[in-house]
């Protein structure tokens, strides 16, 4: 069998996370899980996190749906996870929101398998960075 391959941006939406201002303490509370790279690395869907956003902080974040595939692209390149609920991430993480042509679990395992390739694609400045534009061009098998 021969797999078709396509740039990730043609079969999924890629969203880079952000950090609501830390100096505004009321951005953080108990409403929405907020993911950072150390919380990635398991195949279990992520539901609970060490830090959560308040409703005010969530309004400043990029909220992602359950089943979003989370990939660390700054610093520790290639740590992967999957959202078990609606959540947000910091700017070190790109989320892949899969379209109908691709299964989120497949994408998660594919990125786990490809972590060395991701690292090789990163700009190796002081801190390795795989920018969103390059990330969106990654070719992934589709069916």
C-alpha atoms as a PDB file:
ATOM      1  CA  UNK A   1       0.000   0.000   0.000  1.00  0.00           C
ATOM      2  CA  UNK A   2       1.254   3.465  -0.839  1.00  0.00           C
ATOM      3  CA  UNK A   3       0.348   6.365   1.467  1.00  0.00           C
ATOM      4  CA  UNK A   4      -0.628   9.749   0.132  1.00  0.00           C
ATOM      5  CA  UNK A   5       1.185  12.580   1.884  1.00  0.00           C
ATOM      6  CA  UNK A   6       0.200  16.202   2.227  1.00  0.00           C
ATOM      7  CA  UNK A   7       1.408  19.275   4.126  1.00  0.00           C
ATOM      8  CA  UNK A   8      -0.247  19.309   7.553  1.00  0.00           C
ATOM      9  CA  UNK A   9      -1.880  22.690   6.833  1.00  0.00           C
ATOM     10  CA  UNK A  10      -3.916  21.124   4.004  1.00  0.00           C
ATOM     11  CA  UNK A  11      -5.600  18.549   6.262  1.00  0.00           C
ATOM     12  CA  UNK A  12      -5.640  20.362   9.603  1.00  0.00           C
ATOM     13  CA  UNK A  13      -5.630  23.801  11.171  1.00  0.00           C
ATOM     14  CA  UNK A  14      -2.473  24.735  13.096  1.00  0.00           C
ATOM     15  CA  UNK A  15      -2.850  27.083  16.067  1.00  0.00           C
ATOM     16  CA  UNK A  16       0.048  28.404  18.129  1.00  0.00           C
ATOM     17  CA  UNK A  17      -0.762  28.956  21.788  1.00  0.00           C
ATOM     18  CA  UNK A  18      -0.201  32.103  23.817  1.00  0.00           C
ATOM     19  CA  UNK A  19       0.221  33.245  27.396  1.00  0.00           C
ATOM     20  CA  UNK A  20      -2.255  35.654  28.982  1.00  0.00           C
ATOM     21  CA  UNK A  21      -0.268  38.301  30.918  1.00  0.00           C
ATOM     22  CA  UNK A  22       1.158  36.764  34.088  1.00  0.00           C
ATOM     23  CA  UNK A  23       1.238  40.140  35.837  1.00  0.00           C
ATOM     24  CA  UNK A  24      -2.578  40.140  35.763  1.00  0.00           C
ATOM     25  CA  UNK A  25      -3.176  37.424  38.353  1.00  0.00           C
ATOM     26  CA  UNK A  26      -6.904  37.314  37.633  1.00  0.00           C
ATOM     27  CA  UNK A  27      -6.093  35.729  34.221  1.00  0.00           C
ATOM     28  CA  UNK A  28      -5.434  32.513  36.125  1.00  0.00           C
ATOM     29  CA  UNK A  29      -7.993  30.519  38.061  1.00  0.00           C
ATOM     30  CA  UNK A  30      -9.910  27.278  37.638  1.00  0.00           C
ATOM     31  CA  UNK A  31     -11.849  27.491  34.353  1.00  0.00           C
ATOM     32  CA  UNK A  32      -9.723  26.222  31.432  1.00  0.00           C
ATOM     33  CA  UNK A  33      -6.701  23.875  31.540  1.00  0.00           C
ATOM     34  CA  UNK A  34      -3.556  25.638  30.301  1.00  0.00           C
ATOM     35  CA  UNK A  35      -0.803  23.382  28.916  1.00  0.00           C
ATOM     36  CA  UNK A  36       2.974  23.895  28.916  1.00  0.00           C
ATOM     37  CA  UNK A  37       5.547  21.524  27.301  1.00  0.00           C
ATOM     38  CA  UNK A  38       6.407  19.563  30.489  1.00  0.00           C
ATOM     39  CA  UNK A  39       2.782  18.339  30.566  1.00  0.00           C
ATOM     40  CA  UNK A  40       3.139  16.698  27.155  1.00  0.00           C
ATOM     41  CA  UNK A  41       4.606  13.252  26.543  1.00  0.00           C
ATOM     42  CA  UNK A  42       1.764  10.821  27.242  1.00  0.00           C
ATOM     43  CA  UNK A  43      -0.761   9.112  24.990  1.00  0.00           C
ATOM     44  CA  UNK A  44      -3.487   9.692  27.582  1.00  0.00           C
ATOM     45  CA  UNK A  45      -5.781  12.626  26.780  1.00  0.00           C
ATOM     46  CA  UNK A  46      -4.878  15.699  28.852  1.00  0.00           C
ATOM     47  CA  UNK A  47      -7.698  16.834  31.106  1.00  0.00           C
ATOM     48  CA  UNK A  48      -5.984  18.222  34.204  1.00  0.00           C
ATOM     49  CA  UNK A  49      -3.018  20.582  34.334  1.00  0.00           C
ATOM     50  CA  UNK A  50      -0.840  22.267  36.923  1.00  0.00           C
ATOM     51  CA  UNK A  51      -2.148  25.680  35.899  1.00  0.00           C
ATOM     52  CA  UNK A  52      -5.571  26.831  34.715  1.00  0.00           C
ATOM     53  CA  UNK A  53      -6.965  30.007  33.238  1.00  0.00           C
ATOM     54  CA  UNK A  54      -9.844  32.044  34.616  1.00  0.00           C
ATOM     55  CA  UNK A  55     -12.704  33.109  32.329  1.00  0.00           C
ATOM     56  CA  UNK A  56     -10.852  36.428  31.871  1.00  0.00           C
ATOM     57  CA  UNK A  57      -7.613  34.636  30.922  1.00  0.00           C
ATOM     58  CA  UNK A  58      -9.459  32.235  28.620  1.00  0.00           C
ATOM     59  CA  UNK A  59     -10.849  35.234  26.723  1.00  0.00           C
ATOM     60  CA  UNK A  60      -7.227  36.238  25.985  1.00  0.00           C
ATOM     61  CA  UNK A  61      -6.104  32.718  25.056  1.00  0.00           C
ATOM     62  CA  UNK A  62      -6.583  30.584  21.964  1.00  0.00           C
ATOM     63  CA  UNK A  63      -9.052  27.952  23.149  1.00  0.00           C
ATOM     64  CA  UNK A  64      -8.655  24.559  21.458  1.00  0.00           C
ATOM     65  CA  UNK A  65     -11.223  21.779  21.107  1.00  0.00           C
ATOM     66  CA  UNK A  66     -10.867  18.302  22.589  1.00  0.00           C
ATOM     67  CA  UNK A  67      -8.897  15.979  20.280  1.00  0.00           C
ATOM     68  CA  UNK A  68      -6.438  18.739  19.312  1.00  0.00           C
ATOM     69  CA  UNK A  69      -2.960  17.260  18.919  1.00  0.00           C
ATOM     70  CA  UNK A  70      -0.377  19.276  20.871  1.00  0.00           C
ATOM     71  CA  UNK A  71       3.275  19.469  19.737  1.00  0.00           C
ATOM     72  CA  UNK A  72       6.061  21.347  21.515  1.00  0.00           C
ATOM     73  CA  UNK A  73       7.958  23.416  18.920  1.00  0.00           C
ATOM     74  CA  UNK A  74      10.197  25.631  21.074  1.00  0.00           C
ATOM     75  CA  UNK A  75      12.856  24.379  23.489  1.00  0.00           C
ATOM     76  CA  UNK A  76      11.956  20.728  23.958  1.00  0.00           C
ATOM     77  CA  UNK A  77      10.968  20.016  20.357  1.00  0.00           C
ATOM     78  CA  UNK A  78       8.702  17.059  19.683  1.00  0.00           C
ATOM     79  CA  UNK A  79       6.913  16.462  23.001  1.00  0.00           C
ATOM     80  CA  UNK A  80       3.389  15.457  22.018  1.00  0.00           C
ATOM     81  CA  UNK A  81      -0.019  15.111  23.666  1.00  0.00           C
ATOM     82  CA  UNK A  82      -3.716  15.167  22.876  1.00  0.00           C
ATOM     83  CA  UNK A  83      -6.420  17.336  24.403  1.00  0.00           C
ATOM     84  CA  UNK A  84      -9.003  15.407  26.385  1.00  0.00           C
ATOM     85  CA  UNK A  85     -11.134  18.505  26.850  1.00  0.00           C
ATOM     86  CA  UNK A  86     -11.304  22.095  25.680  1.00  0.00           C
ATOM     87  CA  UNK A  87      -8.041  23.784  26.733  1.00  0.00           C
ATOM     88  CA  UNK A  88      -5.365  26.353  25.878  1.00  0.00           C
ATOM     89  CA  UNK A  89      -1.578  26.158  25.495  1.00  0.00           C
ATOM     90  CA  UNK A  90       1.368  28.477  25.825  1.00  0.00           C
ATOM     91  CA  UNK A  91       3.298  29.797  22.811  1.00  0.00           C
ATOM     92  CA  UNK A  92       5.776  26.909  22.830  1.00  0.00           C
ATOM     93  CA  UNK A  93       3.067  24.565  21.562  1.00  0.00           C
ATOM     94  CA  UNK A  94       1.451  24.219  18.152  1.00  0.00           C
ATOM     95  CA  UNK A  95      -1.955  22.548  18.169  1.00  0.00           C
ATOM     96  CA  UNK A  96      -3.175  20.512  15.215  1.00  0.00           C
ATOM     97  CA  UNK A  97      -6.957  20.590  14.832  1.00  0.00           C
ATOM     98  CA  UNK A  98      -7.620  17.710  12.453  1.00  0.00           C
ATOM     99  CA  UNK A  99      -9.998  17.858   9.533  1.00  0.00           C
ATOM    100  CA  UNK A 100     -12.036  14.896   8.261  1.00  0.00           C
ATOM    101  CA  UNK A 101      -9.146  13.483   6.189  1.00  0.00           C
ATOM    102  CA  UNK A 102      -7.042  12.598   9.209  1.00  0.00           C
ATOM    103  CA  UNK A 103      -7.545  11.008  12.627  1.00  0.00           C
ATOM    104  CA  UNK A 104      -6.200  12.883  15.690  1.00  0.00           C
ATOM    105  CA  UNK A 105      -4.806   9.716  17.323  1.00  0.00           C
ATOM    106  CA  UNK A 106      -2.938   8.855  14.123  1.00  0.00           C
ATOM    107  CA  UNK A 107      -1.507  12.397  14.025  1.00  0.00           C
ATOM    108  CA  UNK A 108      -0.430  12.173  17.665  1.00  0.00           C
ATOM    109  CA  UNK A 109       1.415   8.874  17.118  1.00  0.00           C
ATOM    110  CA  UNK A 110       2.897  10.091  13.839  1.00  0.00           C
ATOM    111  CA  UNK A 111       4.376  13.167  15.554  1.00  0.00           C
ATOM    112  CA  UNK A 112       5.693  10.993  18.392  1.00  0.00           C
ATOM    113  CA  UNK A 113       7.392   8.746  15.834  1.00  0.00           C
ATOM    114  CA  UNK A 114       8.726  11.797  13.953  1.00  0.00           C
ATOM    115  CA  UNK A 115      10.162  13.708  16.932  1.00  0.00           C
ATOM    116  CA  UNK A 116      13.762  13.391  15.674  1.00  0.00           C
ATOM    117  CA  UNK A 117      12.698  14.731  12.262  1.00  0.00           C
ATOM    118  CA  UNK A 118      11.010  17.691  13.963  1.00  0.00           C
ATOM    119  CA  UNK A 119      14.187  18.457  15.888  1.00  0.00           C
ATOM    120  CA  UNK A 120      16.231  18.281  12.681  1.00  0.00           C
ATOM    121  CA  UNK A 121      13.878  20.851  11.069  1.00  0.00           C
ATOM    122  CA  UNK A 122      14.211  23.304  13.971  1.00  0.00           C
ATOM    123  CA  UNK A 123      16.275  26.463  13.802  1.00  0.00           C
ATOM    124  CA  UNK A 124      19.060  25.679  16.260  1.00  0.00           C
ATOM    125  CA  UNK A 125      19.660  29.106  17.717  1.00  0.00           C
ATOM    126  CA  UNK A 126      20.173  29.378  21.482  1.00  0.00           C
ATOM    127  CA  UNK A 127      16.791  27.664  21.948  1.00  0.00           C
ATOM    128  CA  UNK A 128      15.623  25.320  19.169  1.00  0.00           C
ATOM    129  CA  UNK A 129      12.525  26.676  17.387  1.00  0.00           C
ATOM    130  CA  UNK A 130      10.331  25.007  14.794  1.00  0.00           C
ATOM    131  CA  UNK A 131       8.292  27.983  13.575  1.00  0.00           C
ATOM    132  CA  UNK A 132       4.643  27.715  12.569  1.00  0.00           C
ATOM    133  CA  UNK A 133       5.328  28.283   8.861  1.00  0.00           C
ATOM    134  CA  UNK A 134       7.764  25.352   8.700  1.00  0.00           C
ATOM    135  CA  UNK A 135       5.542  23.259  10.972  1.00  0.00           C
ATOM    136  CA  UNK A 136       2.572  23.718   8.627  1.00  0.00           C
ATOM    137  CA  UNK A 137       4.662  22.401   5.707  1.00  0.00           C
ATOM    138  CA  UNK A 138       5.431  19.086   7.407  1.00  0.00           C
ATOM    139  CA  UNK A 139       4.169  16.335   5.161  1.00  0.00           C
ATOM    140  CA  UNK A 140       1.968  13.764   6.888  1.00  0.00           C
ATOM    141  CA  UNK A 141       0.424  10.531   5.585  1.00  0.00           C
ATOM    142  CA  UNK A 142      -3.303  10.789   4.896  1.00  0.00           C
ATOM    143  CA  UNK A 143      -5.890   8.318   3.680  1.00  0.00           C
END
